[in-house]
Amino acid sequence: MTAPAINTNLFLYLLSAGRAYLDDIRMVVGTNADTGTNLLVNGDFEDPVLTNGWIVASIYSGSRITNSPTVDGQAASGTNCLLLVGSSAGSGNTAAIQQPWALTNPPGTVYTVSFSYLP
């Protein structure tokens, strides 16, 4: 008998109103960051459509994929990153930017999330 896949979400949110730049969000199986296949869709934000893979709550409607804000114009990789803009504190589910993904590995599998940010 096979157990059904358990759906879960990765949430991005701020603890108060504000903004931050995020790039190269990766979730991989194991304990080594950046080793293995990224389980997230558009975690590098090179696709200019934020809703490709991500669900955006209304308090984050000002968020967008943009060019890198750094002086040299380089994002952590590629040329784009996410400008996360929150009008109030986030908390998950209906107050975040989230990406649903199906857990297809056995229970007890270890995952590592890594990312780059600029406050």
PDB file of N, CA and C in Angstrom:
ATOM      1  N   MET A   1       0.841  -1.175   0.000  1.00  0.00           N
ATOM      2  CA  MET A   1       0.000   0.000   0.000  1.00  0.00           C
ATOM      3  C   MET A   1       0.888   1.241   0.000  1.00  0.00           C
ATOM      4  N   THR A   2       0.580   2.193  -0.842  1.00  0.00           N
ATOM      5  CA  THR A   2       1.333   3.432  -0.943  1.00  0.00           C
ATOM      6  C   THR A   2       0.561   4.551  -0.261  1.00  0.00           C
ATOM      7  N   ALA A   3       1.250   5.277   0.590  1.00  0.00           N
ATOM      8  CA  ALA A   3       0.615   6.419   1.256  1.00  0.00           C
ATOM      9  C   ALA A   3       0.466   7.552   0.253  1.00  0.00           C
ATOM     10  N   PRO A   4      -0.606   8.331   0.332  1.00  0.00           N
ATOM     11  CA  PRO A   4      -0.766   9.466  -0.586  1.00  0.00           C
ATOM     12  C   PRO A   4       0.276  10.538  -0.305  1.00  0.00           C
ATOM     13  N   ALA A   5       0.594  11.313  -1.333  1.00  0.00           N
ATOM     14  CA  ALA A   5       1.539  12.425  -1.164  1.00  0.00           C
ATOM     15  C   ALA A   5       0.939  13.439  -0.199  1.00  0.00           C
ATOM     16  N   ILE A   6       1.770  13.994   0.621  1.00  0.00           N
ATOM     17  CA  ILE A   6       1.340  15.020   1.569  1.00  0.00           C
ATOM     18  C   ILE A   6       1.736  16.367   0.979  1.00  0.00           C
ATOM     19  N   ASN A   7       0.787  17.245   0.802  1.00  0.00           N
ATOM     20  CA  ASN A   7       1.100  18.567   0.261  1.00  0.00           C
ATOM     21  C   ASN A   7       1.563  19.491   1.370  1.00  0.00           C
ATOM     22  N   THR A   8       2.515  20.299   1.072  1.00  0.00           N
ATOM     23  CA  THR A   8       3.026  21.272   2.024  1.00  0.00           C
ATOM     24  C   THR A   8       3.447  22.517   1.254  1.00  0.00           C
ATOM     25  N   ASN A   9       3.774  23.568   1.926  1.00  0.00           N
ATOM     26  CA  ASN A   9       4.111  24.829   1.282  1.00  0.00           C
ATOM     27  C   ASN A   9       5.386  25.411   1.870  1.00  0.00           C
ATOM     28  N   LEU A  10       6.102  26.164   1.037  1.00  0.00           N
ATOM     29  CA  LEU A  10       7.198  26.992   1.504  1.00  0.00           C
ATOM     30  C   LEU A  10       6.668  28.412   1.537  1.00  0.00           C
ATOM     31  N   PHE A  11       6.785  29.091   2.679  1.00  0.00           N
ATOM     32  CA  PHE A  11       6.261  30.448   2.850  1.00  0.00           C
ATOM     33  C   PHE A  11       7.391  31.463   2.891  1.00  0.00           C
ATOM     34  N   LEU A  12       7.189  32.597   2.221  1.00  0.00           N
ATOM     35  CA  LEU A  12       8.079  33.747   2.303  1.00  0.00           C
ATOM     36  C   LEU A  12       7.274  34.900   2.884  1.00  0.00           C
ATOM     37  N   TYR A  13       7.732  35.451   3.988  1.00  0.00           N
ATOM     38  CA  TYR A  13       7.045  36.609   4.550  1.00  0.00           C
ATOM     39  C   TYR A  13       7.981  37.384   5.463  1.00  0.00           C
ATOM     40  N   LEU A  14       7.616  38.609   5.751  1.00  0.00           N
ATOM     41  CA  LEU A  14       8.373  39.491   6.626  1.00  0.00           C
ATOM     42  C   LEU A  14       7.668  39.584   7.978  1.00  0.00           C
ATOM     43  N   LEU A  15       8.414  39.869   9.034  1.00  0.00           N
ATOM     44  CA  LEU A  15       7.825  39.971  10.372  1.00  0.00           C
ATOM     45  C   LEU A  15       7.129  41.307  10.619  1.00  0.00           C
ATOM     46  N   SER A  16       7.341  42.238   9.722  1.00  0.00           N
ATOM     47  CA  SER A  16       6.645  43.531   9.792  1.00  0.00           C
ATOM     48  C   SER A  16       6.587  44.093   8.376  1.00  0.00           C
ATOM     49  N   ALA A  17       5.887  45.196   8.211  1.00  0.00           N
ATOM     50  CA  ALA A  17       5.850  45.837   6.893  1.00  0.00           C
ATOM     51  C   ALA A  17       7.270  46.176   6.469  1.00  0.00           C
ATOM     52  N   GLY A  18       7.562  46.007   5.202  1.00  0.00           N
ATOM     53  CA  GLY A  18       8.905  46.319   4.733  1.00  0.00           C
ATOM     54  C   GLY A  18       9.184  45.681   3.396  1.00  0.00           C
ATOM     55  N   ARG A  19      10.470  45.609   3.071  1.00  0.00           N
ATOM     56  CA  ARG A  19      10.869  45.044   1.792  1.00  0.00           C
ATOM     57  C   ARG A  19      12.246  44.414   1.906  1.00  0.00           C
ATOM     58  N   ALA A  20      12.497  43.430   1.057  1.00  0.00           N
ATOM     59  CA  ALA A  20      13.799  42.761   0.983  1.00  0.00           C
ATOM     60  C   ALA A  20      13.924  42.140  -0.401  1.00  0.00           C
ATOM     61  N   TYR A  21      15.150  42.001  -0.852  1.00  0.00           N
ATOM     62  CA  TYR A  21      15.416  41.333  -2.124  1.00  0.00           C
ATOM     63  C   TYR A  21      15.829  39.894  -1.834  1.00  0.00           C
ATOM     64  N   LEU A  22      15.251  38.943  -2.560  1.00  0.00           N
ATOM     65  CA  LEU A  22      15.583  37.528  -2.413  1.00  0.00           C
ATOM     66  C   LEU A  22      15.977  36.966  -3.763  1.00  0.00           C
ATOM     67  N   ASP A  23      16.886  36.006  -3.749  1.00  0.00           N
ATOM     68  CA  ASP A  23      17.282  35.350  -4.986  1.00  0.00           C
ATOM     69  C   ASP A  23      17.758  33.940  -4.679  1.00  0.00           C
ATOM     70  N   ASP A  24      17.725  33.118  -5.688  1.00  0.00           N
ATOM     71  CA  ASP A  24      18.233  31.742  -5.616  1.00  0.00           C
ATOM     72  C   ASP A  24      17.684  30.957  -4.430  1.00  0.00           C
ATOM     73  N   ILE A  25      16.386  30.952  -4.280  1.00  0.00           N
ATOM     74  CA  ILE A  25      15.785  30.132  -3.226  1.00  0.00           C
ATOM     75  C   ILE A  25      15.791  28.694  -3.713  1.00  0.00           C
ATOM     76  N   ARG A  26      16.459  27.839  -2.971  1.00  0.00           N
ATOM     77  CA  ARG A  26      16.588  26.429  -3.352  1.00  0.00           C
ATOM     78  C   ARG A  26      16.189  25.540  -2.196  1.00  0.00           C
ATOM     79  N   MET A  27      15.458  24.493  -2.504  1.00  0.00           N
ATOM     80  CA  MET A  27      15.130  23.458  -1.532  1.00  0.00           C
ATOM     81  C   MET A  27      15.567  22.138  -2.146  1.00  0.00           C
ATOM     82  N   VAL A  28      16.479  21.456  -1.456  1.00  0.00           N
ATOM     83  CA  VAL A  28      17.023  20.201  -1.960  1.00  0.00           C
ATOM     84  C   VAL A  28      16.889  19.118  -0.902  1.00  0.00           C
ATOM     85  N   VAL A  29      16.929  17.886  -1.345  1.00  0.00           N
ATOM     86  CA  VAL A  29      16.934  16.757  -0.418  1.00  0.00           C
ATOM     87  C   VAL A  29      18.336  16.637   0.154  1.00  0.00           C
ATOM     88  N   GLY A  30      18.426  16.442   1.462  1.00  0.00           N
ATOM     89  CA  GLY A  30      19.718  16.262   2.120  1.00  0.00           C
ATOM     90  C   GLY A  30      20.121  17.464   2.937  1.00  0.00           C
ATOM     91  N   THR A  31      21.352  17.415   3.445  1.00  0.00           N
ATOM     92  CA  THR A  31      21.844  18.467   4.335  1.00  0.00           C
ATOM     93  C   THR A  31      22.844  19.400   3.670  1.00  0.00           C
ATOM     94  N   ASN A  32      23.125  19.188   2.396  1.00  0.00           N
ATOM     95  CA  ASN A  32      24.092  20.032   1.701  1.00  0.00           C
ATOM     96  C   ASN A  32      23.372  21.027   0.797  1.00  0.00           C
ATOM     97  N   ALA A  33      23.450  22.300   1.170  1.00  0.00           N
ATOM     98  CA  ALA A  33      22.807  23.342   0.372  1.00  0.00           C
ATOM     99  C   ALA A  33      23.346  23.334  -1.048  1.00  0.00           C
ATOM    100  N   ASP A  34      22.467  23.584  -2.005  1.00  0.00           N
ATOM    101  CA  ASP A  34      22.824  23.679  -3.421  1.00  0.00           C
ATOM    102  C   ASP A  34      23.329  22.374  -4.026  1.00  0.00           C
ATOM    103  N   THR A  35      23.116  21.261  -3.357  1.00  0.00           N
ATOM    104  CA  THR A  35      23.529  19.974  -3.903  1.00  0.00           C
ATOM    105  C   THR A  35      22.286  19.162  -4.210  1.00  0.00           C
ATOM    106  N   GLY A  36      22.025  18.976  -5.483  1.00  0.00           N
ATOM    107  CA  GLY A  36      20.847  18.226  -5.893  1.00  0.00           C
ATOM    108  C   GLY A  36      19.873  19.106  -6.649  1.00  0.00           C
ATOM    109  N   THR A  37      18.786  18.505  -7.057  1.00  0.00           N
ATOM    110  CA  THR A  37      17.758  19.183  -7.839  1.00  0.00           C
ATOM    111  C   THR A  37      16.953  20.131  -6.961  1.00  0.00           C
ATOM    112  N   ASN A  38      16.731  21.352  -7.452  1.00  0.00           N
ATOM    113  CA  ASN A  38      15.893  22.302  -6.732  1.00  0.00           C
ATOM    114  C   ASN A  38      14.441  21.848  -6.850  1.00  0.00           C
ATOM    115  N   LEU A  39      13.756  21.683  -5.737  1.00  0.00           N
ATOM    116  CA  LEU A  39      12.371  21.230  -5.726  1.00  0.00           C
ATOM    117  C   LEU A  39      11.383  22.367  -5.961  1.00  0.00           C
ATOM    118  N   LEU A  40      11.856  23.604  -6.028  1.00  0.00           N
ATOM    119  CA  LEU A  40      10.992  24.764  -6.217  1.00  0.00           C
ATOM    120  C   LEU A  40      10.967  25.207  -7.676  1.00  0.00           C
ATOM    121  N   VAL A  41       9.843  25.741  -8.108  1.00  0.00           N
ATOM    122  CA  VAL A  41       9.690  26.294  -9.450  1.00  0.00           C
ATOM    123  C   VAL A  41      10.024  27.781  -9.400  1.00  0.00           C
ATOM    124  N   ASN A  42      10.843  28.250 -10.321  1.00  0.00           N
ATOM    125  CA  ASN A  42      11.203  29.660 -10.438  1.00  0.00           C
ATOM    126  C   ASN A  42      11.781  30.228  -9.139  1.00  0.00           C
ATOM    127  N   GLY A  43      12.593  29.440  -8.446  1.00  0.00           N
ATOM    128  CA  GLY A  43      13.251  29.912  -7.230  1.00  0.00           C
ATOM    129  C   GLY A  43      14.404  30.857  -7.511  1.00  0.00           C
ATOM    130  N   ASP A  44      14.837  30.900  -8.786  1.00  0.00           N
ATOM    131  CA  ASP A  44      15.887  31.852  -9.158  1.00  0.00           C
ATOM    132  C   ASP A  44      15.301  33.142  -9.722  1.00  0.00           C
ATOM    133  N   PHE A  45      13.978  33.157  -9.906  1.00  0.00           N
ATOM    134  CA  PHE A  45      13.221  34.330 -10.358  1.00  0.00           C
ATOM    135  C   PHE A  45      13.666  34.847 -11.722  1.00  0.00           C
ATOM    136  N   GLU A  46      14.196  33.961 -12.550  1.00  0.00           N
ATOM    137  CA  GLU A  46      14.560  34.358 -13.912  1.00  0.00           C
ATOM    138  C   GLU A  46      13.331  34.410 -14.811  1.00  0.00           C
ATOM    139  N   ASP A  47      12.277  33.648 -14.488  1.00  0.00           N
ATOM    140  CA  ASP A  47      11.004  33.790 -15.199  1.00  0.00           C
ATOM    141  C   ASP A  47      10.370  35.068 -14.662  1.00  0.00           C
ATOM    142  N   PRO A  48      10.078  36.050 -15.507  1.00  0.00           N
ATOM    143  CA  PRO A  48       9.581  37.341 -15.017  1.00  0.00           C
ATOM    144  C   PRO A  48       8.164  37.318 -14.454  1.00  0.00           C
ATOM    145  N   VAL A  49       7.473  36.185 -14.566  1.00  0.00           N
ATOM    146  CA  VAL A  49       6.105  36.088 -14.048  1.00  0.00           C
ATOM    147  C   VAL A  49       6.162  35.481 -12.649  1.00  0.00           C
ATOM    148  N   LEU A  50       5.934  36.298 -11.633  1.00  0.00           N
ATOM    149  CA  LEU A  50       6.031  35.837 -10.246  1.00  0.00           C
ATOM    150  C   LEU A  50       5.077  34.694  -9.954  1.00  0.00           C
ATOM    151  N   THR A  51       3.905  34.714 -10.550  1.00  0.00           N
ATOM    152  CA  THR A  51       2.911  33.684 -10.243  1.00  0.00           C
ATOM    153  C   THR A  51       3.207  32.351 -10.929  1.00  0.00           C
ATOM    154  N   ASN A  52       4.330  32.242 -11.616  1.00  0.00           N
ATOM    155  CA  ASN A  52       4.749  30.951 -12.145  1.00  0.00           C
ATOM    156  C   ASN A  52       5.377  30.163 -10.996  1.00  0.00           C
ATOM    157  N   GLY A  53       4.564  29.373 -10.338  1.00  0.00           N
ATOM    158  CA  GLY A  53       5.029  28.576  -9.205  1.00  0.00           C
ATOM    159  C   GLY A  53       4.718  29.167  -7.849  1.00  0.00           C
ATOM    160  N   TRP A  54       4.516  30.458  -7.763  1.00  0.00           N
ATOM    161  CA  TRP A  54       4.300  31.129  -6.484  1.00  0.00           C
ATOM    162  C   TRP A  54       2.864  31.655  -6.381  1.00  0.00           C
ATOM    163  N   ILE A  55       2.315  31.633  -5.173  1.00  0.00           N
ATOM    164  CA  ILE A  55       0.992  32.194  -4.876  1.00  0.00           C
ATOM    165  C   ILE A  55       1.226  33.439  -4.016  1.00  0.00           C
ATOM    166  N   VAL A  56       0.684  34.560  -4.433  1.00  0.00           N
ATOM    167  CA  VAL A  56       0.964  35.840  -3.779  1.00  0.00           C
ATOM    168  C   VAL A  56      -0.266  36.321  -3.013  1.00  0.00           C
ATOM    169  N   ALA A  57      -0.139  36.455  -1.685  1.00  0.00           N
ATOM    170  CA  ALA A  57      -1.222  36.994  -0.848  1.00  0.00           C
ATOM    171  C   ALA A  57      -1.346  38.497  -1.080  1.00  0.00           C
ATOM    172  N   SER A  58      -2.505  39.034  -0.782  1.00  0.00           N
ATOM    173  CA  SER A  58      -2.774  40.449  -1.062  1.00  0.00           C
ATOM    174  C   SER A  58      -1.819  41.397  -0.342  1.00  0.00           C
ATOM    175  N   ILE A  59      -1.359  41.058   0.866  1.00  0.00           N
ATOM    176  CA  ILE A  59      -0.445  41.980   1.555  1.00  0.00           C
ATOM    177  C   ILE A  59       0.933  42.008   0.899  1.00  0.00           C
ATOM    178  N   TYR A  60       1.181  41.102  -0.042  1.00  0.00           N
ATOM    179  CA  TYR A  60       2.435  41.083  -0.796  1.00  0.00           C
ATOM    180  C   TYR A  60       2.224  41.415  -2.264  1.00  0.00           C
ATOM    181  N   SER A  61       1.104  42.050  -2.590  1.00  0.00           N
ATOM    182  CA  SER A  61       0.783  42.361  -3.988  1.00  0.00           C
ATOM    183  C   SER A  61       1.767  43.357  -4.605  1.00  0.00           C
ATOM    184  N   GLY A  62       2.507  44.085  -3.801  1.00  0.00           N
ATOM    185  CA  GLY A  62       3.519  45.008  -4.319  1.00  0.00           C
ATOM    186  C   GLY A  62       4.826  44.319  -4.679  1.00  0.00           C
ATOM    187  N   SER A  63       4.929  43.039  -4.394  1.00  0.00           N
ATOM    188  CA  SER A  63       6.142  42.282  -4.708  1.00  0.00           C
ATOM    189  C   SER A  63       6.245  42.065  -6.208  1.00  0.00           C
ATOM    190  N   ARG A  64       7.482  41.981  -6.691  1.00  0.00           N
ATOM    191  CA  ARG A  64       7.668  41.765  -8.130  1.00  0.00           C
ATOM    192  C   ARG A  64       9.061  41.219  -8.401  1.00  0.00           C
ATOM    193  N   ILE A  65       9.193  40.613  -9.555  1.00  0.00           N
ATOM    194  CA  ILE A  65      10.505  40.191 -10.025  1.00  0.00           C
ATOM    195  C   ILE A  65      11.123  41.394 -10.714  1.00  0.00           C
ATOM    196  N   THR A  66      12.373  41.687 -10.368  1.00  0.00           N
ATOM    197  CA  THR A  66      13.023  42.894 -10.855  1.00  0.00           C
ATOM    198  C   THR A  66      14.494  42.617 -11.147  1.00  0.00           C
ATOM    199  N   ASN A  67      15.153  43.567 -11.773  1.00  0.00           N
ATOM    200  CA  ASN A  67      16.592  43.465 -11.984  1.00  0.00           C
ATOM    201  C   ASN A  67      17.301  43.583 -10.646  1.00  0.00           C
ATOM    202  N   SER A  68      18.496  43.121 -10.595  1.00  0.00           N
ATOM    203  CA  SER A  68      19.288  43.163  -9.377  1.00  0.00           C
ATOM    204  C   SER A  68      19.474  44.597  -8.873  1.00  0.00           C
ATOM    205  N   PRO A  69      19.367  44.809  -7.560  1.00  0.00           N
ATOM    206  CA  PRO A  69      19.535  46.153  -7.001  1.00  0.00           C
ATOM    207  C   PRO A  69      20.984  46.499  -6.671  1.00  0.00           C
ATOM    208  N   THR A  70      21.918  45.576  -6.869  1.00  0.00           N
ATOM    209  CA  THR A  70      23.291  45.825  -6.447  1.00  0.00           C
ATOM    210  C   THR A  70      23.995  46.789  -7.395  1.00  0.00           C
ATOM    211  N   VAL A  71      25.045  47.391  -6.907  1.00  0.00           N
ATOM    212  CA  VAL A  71      25.801  48.375  -7.667  1.00  0.00           C
ATOM    213  C   VAL A  71      26.314  47.773  -8.978  1.00  0.00           C
ATOM    214  N   ASP A  72      26.780  46.520  -8.921  1.00  0.00           N
ATOM    215  CA  ASP A  72      27.310  45.895 -10.138  1.00  0.00           C
ATOM    216  C   ASP A  72      26.212  45.285 -11.010  1.00  0.00           C
ATOM    217  N   GLY A  73      24.956  45.383 -10.558  1.00  0.00           N
ATOM    218  CA  GLY A  73      23.840  44.892 -11.352  1.00  0.00           C
ATOM    219  C   GLY A  73      23.701  43.390 -11.397  1.00  0.00           C
ATOM    220  N   GLN A  74      24.386  42.702 -10.509  1.00  0.00           N
ATOM    221  CA  GLN A  74      24.347  41.246 -10.530  1.00  0.00           C
ATOM    222  C   GLN A  74      23.484  40.707  -9.401  1.00  0.00           C
ATOM    223  N   ALA A  75      22.524  39.884  -9.758  1.00  0.00           N
ATOM    224  CA  ALA A  75      21.762  39.141  -8.756  1.00  0.00           C
ATOM    225  C   ALA A  75      22.663  38.009  -8.270  1.00  0.00           C
ATOM    226  N   ALA A  76      22.222  37.230  -7.315  1.00  0.00           N
ATOM    227  CA  ALA A  76      23.026  36.109  -6.828  1.00  0.00           C
ATOM    228  C   ALA A  76      23.359  35.170  -7.980  1.00  0.00           C
ATOM    229  N   SER A  77      22.431  35.012  -8.907  1.00  0.00           N
ATOM    230  CA  SER A  77      22.687  34.303 -10.168  1.00  0.00           C
ATOM    231  C   SER A  77      21.726  34.873 -11.193  1.00  0.00           C
ATOM    232  N   GLY A  78      22.071  34.824 -12.442  1.00  0.00           N
ATOM    233  CA  GLY A  78      21.214  35.393 -13.469  1.00  0.00           C
ATOM    234  C   GLY A  78      21.150  36.901 -13.341  1.00  0.00           C
ATOM    235  N   THR A  79      20.036  37.473 -13.789  1.00  0.00           N
ATOM    236  CA  THR A  79      19.909  38.934 -13.746  1.00  0.00           C
ATOM    237  C   THR A  79      18.721  39.405 -12.923  1.00  0.00           C
ATOM    238  N   ASN A  80      17.824  38.507 -12.530  1.00  0.00           N
ATOM    239  CA  ASN A  80      16.614  38.907 -11.797  1.00  0.00           C
ATOM    240  C   ASN A  80      16.619  38.398 -10.369  1.00  0.00           C
ATOM    241  N   CYS A  81      15.802  39.052  -9.553  1.00  0.00           N
ATOM    242  CA  CYS A  81      15.580  38.617  -8.180  1.00  0.00           C
ATOM    243  C   CYS A  81      14.155  39.027  -7.788  1.00  0.00           C
ATOM    244  N   LEU A  82      13.727  38.599  -6.624  1.00  0.00           N
ATOM    245  CA  LEU A  82      12.404  38.954  -6.114  1.00  0.00           C
ATOM    246  C   LEU A  82      12.524  40.134  -5.173  1.00  0.00           C
ATOM    247  N   LEU A  83      11.764  41.186  -5.434  1.00  0.00           N
ATOM    248  CA  LEU A  83      11.609  42.275  -4.468  1.00  0.00           C
ATOM    249  C   LEU A  83      10.363  41.927  -3.670  1.00  0.00           C
ATOM    250  N   LEU A  84      10.565  41.472  -2.434  1.00  0.00           N
ATOM    251  CA  LEU A  84       9.473  41.090  -1.539  1.00  0.00           C
ATOM    252  C   LEU A  84       9.020  42.342  -0.799  1.00  0.00           C
ATOM    253  N   VAL A  85       7.770  42.762  -1.023  1.00  0.00           N
ATOM    254  CA  VAL A  85       7.235  43.980  -0.417  1.00  0.00           C
ATOM    255  C   VAL A  85       5.989  43.608   0.369  1.00  0.00           C
ATOM    256  N   GLY A  86       6.033  43.813   1.686  1.00  0.00           N
ATOM    257  CA  GLY A  86       4.886  43.501   2.536  1.00  0.00           C
ATOM    258  C   GLY A  86       4.288  44.759   3.130  1.00  0.00           C
ATOM    259  N   SER A  87       2.965  44.874   3.080  1.00  0.00           N
ATOM    260  CA  SER A  87       2.297  46.042   3.654  1.00  0.00           C
ATOM    261  C   SER A  87       2.049  45.884   5.154  1.00  0.00           C
ATOM    262  N   SER A  88       2.223  44.663   5.666  1.00  0.00           N
ATOM    263  CA  SER A  88       2.118  44.395   7.101  1.00  0.00           C
ATOM    264  C   SER A  88       2.840  43.086   7.389  1.00  0.00           C
ATOM    265  N   ALA A  89       2.835  42.671   8.649  1.00  0.00           N
ATOM    266  CA  ALA A  89       3.511  41.425   9.022  1.00  0.00           C
ATOM    267  C   ALA A  89       2.845  40.233   8.352  1.00  0.00           C
ATOM    268  N   GLY A  90       3.658  39.312   7.904  1.00  0.00           N
ATOM    269  CA  GLY A  90       3.140  38.079   7.327  1.00  0.00           C
ATOM    270  C   GLY A  90       3.088  36.990   8.373  1.00  0.00           C
ATOM    271  N   SER A  91       2.453  35.868   8.021  1.00  0.00           N
ATOM    272  CA  SER A  91       2.372  34.779   8.995  1.00  0.00           C
ATOM    273  C   SER A  91       2.249  33.410   8.354  1.00  0.00           C
ATOM    274  N   GLY A  92       2.112  33.340   7.076  1.00  0.00           N
ATOM    275  CA  GLY A  92       1.924  32.054   6.413  1.00  0.00           C
ATOM    276  C   GLY A  92       0.579  32.015   5.713  1.00  0.00           C
ATOM    277  N   ASN A  93       0.257  30.916   5.140  1.00  0.00           N
ATOM    278  CA  ASN A  93      -0.941  30.620   4.347  1.00  0.00           C
ATOM    279  C   ASN A  93      -1.568  31.806   3.627  1.00  0.00           C
ATOM    280  N   THR A  94      -2.375  32.626   4.252  1.00  0.00           N
ATOM    281  CA  THR A  94      -3.030  33.726   3.544  1.00  0.00           C
ATOM    282  C   THR A  94      -2.289  35.053   3.699  1.00  0.00           C
ATOM    283  N   ALA A  95      -1.105  35.027   4.303  1.00  0.00           N
ATOM    284  CA  ALA A  95      -0.337  36.256   4.515  1.00  0.00           C
ATOM    285  C   ALA A  95       1.129  36.038   4.154  1.00  0.00           C
ATOM    286  N   ALA A  96       1.374  35.524   2.929  1.00  0.00           N
ATOM    287  CA  ALA A  96       2.735  35.224   2.496  1.00  0.00           C
ATOM    288  C   ALA A  96       2.767  35.063   0.985  1.00  0.00           C
ATOM    289  N   ILE A  97       3.956  34.947   0.474  1.00  0.00           N
ATOM    290  CA  ILE A  97       4.150  34.417  -0.864  1.00  0.00           C
ATOM    291  C   ILE A  97       4.522  32.961  -0.627  1.00  0.00           C
ATOM    292  N   GLN A  98       3.843  32.066  -1.280  1.00  0.00           N
ATOM    293  CA  GLN A  98       4.083  30.657  -0.989  1.00  0.00           C
ATOM    294  C   GLN A  98       4.177  29.822  -2.253  1.00  0.00           C
ATOM    295  N   GLN A  99       4.839  28.695  -2.105  1.00  0.00           N
ATOM    296  CA  GLN A  99       4.887  27.732  -3.199  1.00  0.00           C
ATOM    297  C   GLN A  99       4.503  26.364  -2.670  1.00  0.00           C
ATOM    298  N   PRO A 100       3.388  25.833  -3.155  1.00  0.00           N
ATOM    299  CA  PRO A 100       3.016  24.468  -2.776  1.00  0.00           C
ATOM    300  C   PRO A 100       3.907  23.467  -3.502  1.00  0.00           C
ATOM    301  N   TRP A 101       4.219  22.410  -2.840  1.00  0.00           N
ATOM    302  CA  TRP A 101       4.940  21.316  -3.479  1.00  0.00           C
ATOM    303  C   TRP A 101       4.542  20.025  -2.796  1.00  0.00           C
ATOM    304  N   ALA A 102       4.553  18.964  -3.554  1.00  0.00           N
ATOM    305  CA  ALA A 102       4.152  17.655  -3.027  1.00  0.00           C
ATOM    306  C   ALA A 102       5.375  16.943  -2.487  1.00  0.00           C
ATOM    307  N   LEU A 103       5.262  16.456  -1.309  1.00  0.00           N
ATOM    308  CA  LEU A 103       6.322  15.700  -0.668  1.00  0.00           C
ATOM    309  C   LEU A 103       6.306  14.283  -1.240  1.00  0.00           C
ATOM    310  N   THR A 104       7.287  13.948  -2.051  1.00  0.00           N
ATOM    311  CA  THR A 104       7.289  12.631  -2.688  1.00  0.00           C
ATOM    312  C   THR A 104       8.355  11.708  -2.106  1.00  0.00           C
ATOM    313  N   ASN A 105       9.118  12.190  -1.164  1.00  0.00           N
ATOM    314  CA  ASN A 105      10.127  11.360  -0.525  1.00  0.00           C
ATOM    315  C   ASN A 105       9.565  10.746   0.750  1.00  0.00           C
ATOM    316  N   PRO A 106      10.189   9.681   1.223  1.00  0.00           N
ATOM    317  CA  PRO A 106       9.673   9.001   2.421  1.00  0.00           C
ATOM    318  C   PRO A 106       9.662   9.908   3.650  1.00  0.00           C
ATOM    319  N   PRO A 107       8.773   9.621   4.615  1.00  0.00           N
ATOM    320  CA  PRO A 107       8.777  10.391   5.873  1.00  0.00           C
ATOM    321  C   PRO A 107      10.167  10.361   6.497  1.00  0.00           C
ATOM    322  N   GLY A 108      10.558  11.443   7.102  1.00  0.00           N
ATOM    323  CA  GLY A 108      11.868  11.534   7.734  1.00  0.00           C
ATOM    324  C   GLY A 108      12.964  12.046   6.812  1.00  0.00           C
ATOM    325  N   THR A 109      12.632  12.291   5.538  1.00  0.00           N
ATOM    326  CA  THR A 109      13.618  12.837   4.604  1.00  0.00           C
ATOM    327  C   THR A 109      14.012  14.240   5.056  1.00  0.00           C
ATOM    328  N   VAL A 110      15.291  14.531   5.011  1.00  0.00           N
ATOM    329  CA  VAL A 110      15.806  15.836   5.415  1.00  0.00           C
ATOM    330  C   VAL A 110      15.911  16.734   4.179  1.00  0.00           C
ATOM    331  N   TYR A 111      15.479  17.984   4.326  1.00  0.00           N
ATOM    332  CA  TYR A 111      15.538  18.976   3.252  1.00  0.00           C
ATOM    333  C   TYR A 111      16.357  20.166   3.738  1.00  0.00           C
ATOM    334  N   THR A 112      17.029  20.827   2.807  1.00  0.00           N
ATOM    335  CA  THR A 112      17.780  22.040   3.129  1.00  0.00           C
ATOM    336  C   THR A 112      17.287  23.165   2.219  1.00  0.00           C
ATOM    337  N   VAL A 113      16.986  24.312   2.826  1.00  0.00           N
ATOM    338  CA  VAL A 113      16.579  25.502   2.081  1.00  0.00           C
ATOM    339  C   VAL A 113      17.734  26.506   2.157  1.00  0.00           C
ATOM    340  N   SER A 114      18.091  27.068   1.009  1.00  0.00           N
ATOM    341  CA  SER A 114      19.113  28.104   0.968  1.00  0.00           C
ATOM    342  C   SER A 114      18.614  29.247   0.095  1.00  0.00           C
ATOM    343  N   PHE A 115      19.158  30.433   0.327  1.00  0.00           N
ATOM    344  CA  PHE A 115      18.743  31.610  -0.449  1.00  0.00           C
ATOM    345  C   PHE A 115      19.745  32.723  -0.237  1.00  0.00           C
ATOM    346  N   SER A 116      19.676  33.714  -1.102  1.00  0.00           N
ATOM    347  CA  SER A 116      20.462  34.940  -0.947  1.00  0.00           C
ATOM    348  C   SER A 116      19.472  36.068  -0.709  1.00  0.00           C
ATOM    349  N   TYR A 117      19.878  37.062   0.078  1.00  0.00           N
ATOM    350  CA  TYR A 117      18.987  38.194   0.336  1.00  0.00           C
ATOM    351  C   TYR A 117      19.767  39.478   0.518  1.00  0.00           C
ATOM    352  N   LEU A 118      19.079  40.554   0.305  1.00  0.00           N
ATOM    353  CA  LEU A 118      19.596  41.895   0.541  1.00  0.00           C
ATOM    354  C   LEU A 118      18.482  42.669   1.239  1.00  0.00           C
ATOM    355  N   PRO A 119      18.698  43.079   2.507  1.00  0.00           N
ATOM    356  CA  PRO A 119      17.630  43.777   3.230  1.00  0.00           C
ATOM    357  C   PRO A 119      17.369  45.169   2.666  1.00  0.00           C
TER     358      PRO A 119
END
